Amino acid sequence: MYSIDPVALPKPPERIACTHGESLTGIYSINDGTTTLEISINHEELYLTVSKMYGVPYKFKLLPVSHEAGRTTCITEMIHEQLVFHYVSSGEAECLEYTDYYGVKHIGSRVRL
C-alpha cells in the first residue's frame, strides 16, 4: 500500500493595509511605450489592468505585501506577477518594476494620473 504525504504549499504572503493607494493610481508606460499598465482603485481595492494574449485587457486585483521608505510591493491575486512602486520625495509613485508571469522584469514610468 502506498502512502501519500501531503504537499506543503508555501504560506501565502500577508497582505498589508495600503493607505496611500491613491498615490499609485495612473497609467505607466513599459517596453519603450509599446505597453501600458493602468493602476486603479475600486471599492478601496487596487487593480492592475494590462493587455495579455492577443491584446485582450485583463484586470487583476493587487495585494499590497510590503511597504518601505520609498517603495511599495504588490502582487496580483490570480496570477504570479509582482509590481514594485518607487516614490519621489513628494510621496507620489514615479516608476515601477513589473515582473510578469514569465519572470521577465519590465521598468515602467508614470505617464499620467
Protein backbone atom coordinates (compact mmCIF):
# COMPACT_ATOMS: atom_id res chain seq x y z
CA MET A 1 0.00 0.00 0.00
CA TYR A 2 1.25 3.45 -0.91
CA SER A 3 1.10 6.38 1.41
CA ILE A 4 0.90 9.88 0.06
CA ASP A 5 2.48 12.68 2.00
CA PRO A 6 0.60 15.95 1.84
CA VAL A 7 2.26 18.54 -0.31
CA ALA A 8 3.48 21.52 1.66
CA LEU A 9 2.30 24.65 -0.08
CA PRO A 10 4.09 27.92 0.56
CA LYS A 11 2.44 30.22 3.05
CA PRO A 12 0.54 32.96 1.24
CA PRO A 13 2.04 36.40 1.73
CA GLU A 14 0.45 38.53 4.40
CA ARG A 15 -1.49 41.42 2.98
CA ILE A 16 -0.83 44.84 4.46
CA ALA A 17 -3.09 47.87 4.63
CA CYS A 18 -2.46 50.32 1.81
CA THR A 19 -3.46 53.78 2.98
CA HIS A 20 -1.70 55.53 0.09
CA GLY A 21 -3.31 53.70 -2.84
CA GLU A 22 -4.34 56.97 -4.49
CA SER A 23 -0.66 57.85 -4.97
CA LEU A 24 -0.15 54.65 -7.01
CA THR A 25 -3.01 55.09 -9.47
CA GLY A 26 -2.39 56.14 -13.05
CA ILE A 27 -1.03 54.95 -16.37
CA TYR A 28 2.50 53.56 -16.58
CA SER A 29 4.41 53.02 -19.81
CA ILE A 30 6.70 49.98 -20.21
CA ASN A 31 8.65 48.40 -23.07
CA ASP A 32 9.56 51.74 -24.68
CA GLY A 33 5.92 52.84 -24.75
CA THR A 34 4.53 49.79 -26.54
CA THR A 35 2.68 48.55 -23.44
CA THR A 36 0.75 50.38 -20.74
CA LEU A 37 -0.32 49.33 -17.28
CA GLU A 38 -3.24 51.01 -15.57
CA ILE A 39 -3.47 51.08 -11.79
CA SER A 40 -6.92 51.96 -10.48
CA ILE A 41 -8.95 51.87 -7.27
CA ASN A 42 -12.40 50.32 -6.99
CA HIS A 43 -14.14 49.96 -3.60
CA GLU A 44 -10.87 50.84 -1.83
CA GLU A 45 -9.02 47.97 -3.58
CA LEU A 46 -6.12 48.40 -6.04
CA TYR A 47 -6.37 46.85 -9.52
CA LEU A 48 -3.95 46.33 -12.40
CA THR A 49 -5.26 46.39 -15.97
CA VAL A 50 -2.81 45.05 -18.55
CA SER A 51 -3.12 43.62 -22.05
CA LYS A 52 -2.29 39.95 -22.32
CA MET A 53 -2.51 37.47 -25.21
CA TYR A 54 -3.86 38.98 -28.45
CA GLY A 55 -4.05 42.39 -26.79
CA VAL A 56 -7.00 41.48 -24.59
CA PRO A 57 -7.05 43.65 -21.44
CA TYR A 58 -7.26 41.80 -18.13
CA LYS A 59 -7.95 43.29 -14.72
CA PHE A 60 -6.25 41.77 -11.67
CA LYS A 61 -6.67 42.67 -8.01
CA LEU A 62 -3.44 43.88 -6.41
CA LEU A 63 -2.49 42.79 -2.92
CA PRO A 64 -0.02 45.08 -1.14
CA VAL A 65 2.51 42.85 0.66
CA SER A 66 5.26 45.25 1.79
CA HIS A 67 5.89 48.94 2.26
CA GLU A 68 9.25 50.52 2.97
CA ALA A 69 10.58 54.05 2.70
CA GLY A 70 10.47 54.87 -0.99
CA ARG A 71 8.68 51.77 -2.28
CA THR A 72 5.63 49.53 -2.06
CA THR A 73 5.42 45.95 -3.34
CA CYS A 74 2.16 44.40 -4.59
CA ILE A 75 1.35 41.03 -6.08
CA THR A 76 -1.60 40.06 -8.26
CA GLU A 77 -4.27 37.92 -6.70
CA MET A 78 -4.88 35.42 -9.53
CA ILE A 79 -1.56 35.00 -11.34
CA HIS A 80 2.07 35.20 -10.28
CA GLU A 81 3.00 38.80 -11.11
CA GLN A 82 4.58 41.50 -8.98
CA LEU A 83 4.73 45.28 -9.06
CA VAL A 84 7.20 47.37 -7.06
CA PHE A 85 6.28 51.06 -6.98
CA HIS A 86 9.06 53.61 -6.39
CA TYR A 87 8.28 57.05 -4.93
CA VAL A 88 9.70 60.53 -5.32
CA SER A 89 10.18 62.76 -2.28
CA SER A 90 6.62 64.15 -2.61
CA GLY A 91 5.22 60.67 -1.95
CA GLU A 92 3.84 60.12 -5.47
CA ALA A 93 4.76 56.95 -7.37
CA GLU A 94 7.19 57.84 -10.14
CA CYS A 95 8.03 54.48 -11.68
CA LEU A 96 7.53 50.76 -11.18
CA GLU A 97 9.19 47.42 -11.71
CA TYR A 98 6.72 44.95 -13.23
CA THR A 99 7.62 41.26 -13.11
CA ASP A 100 5.29 39.37 -15.43
CA TYR A 101 4.05 35.79 -15.27
CA TYR A 102 7.16 34.53 -17.09
CA GLY A 103 9.54 36.19 -14.62
CA VAL A 104 10.58 38.93 -17.05
CA LYS A 105 11.18 42.30 -15.36
CA HIS A 106 9.99 45.50 -17.03
CA ILE A 107 10.64 49.06 -15.90
CA GLY A 108 7.77 51.49 -16.31
CA SER A 109 7.39 55.21 -15.84
CA ARG A 110 4.23 57.04 -14.91
CA VAL A 111 2.79 58.92 -17.86
CA ARG A 112 -0.43 60.29 -16.35
CA LEU A 113 -2.82 60.10 -13.44
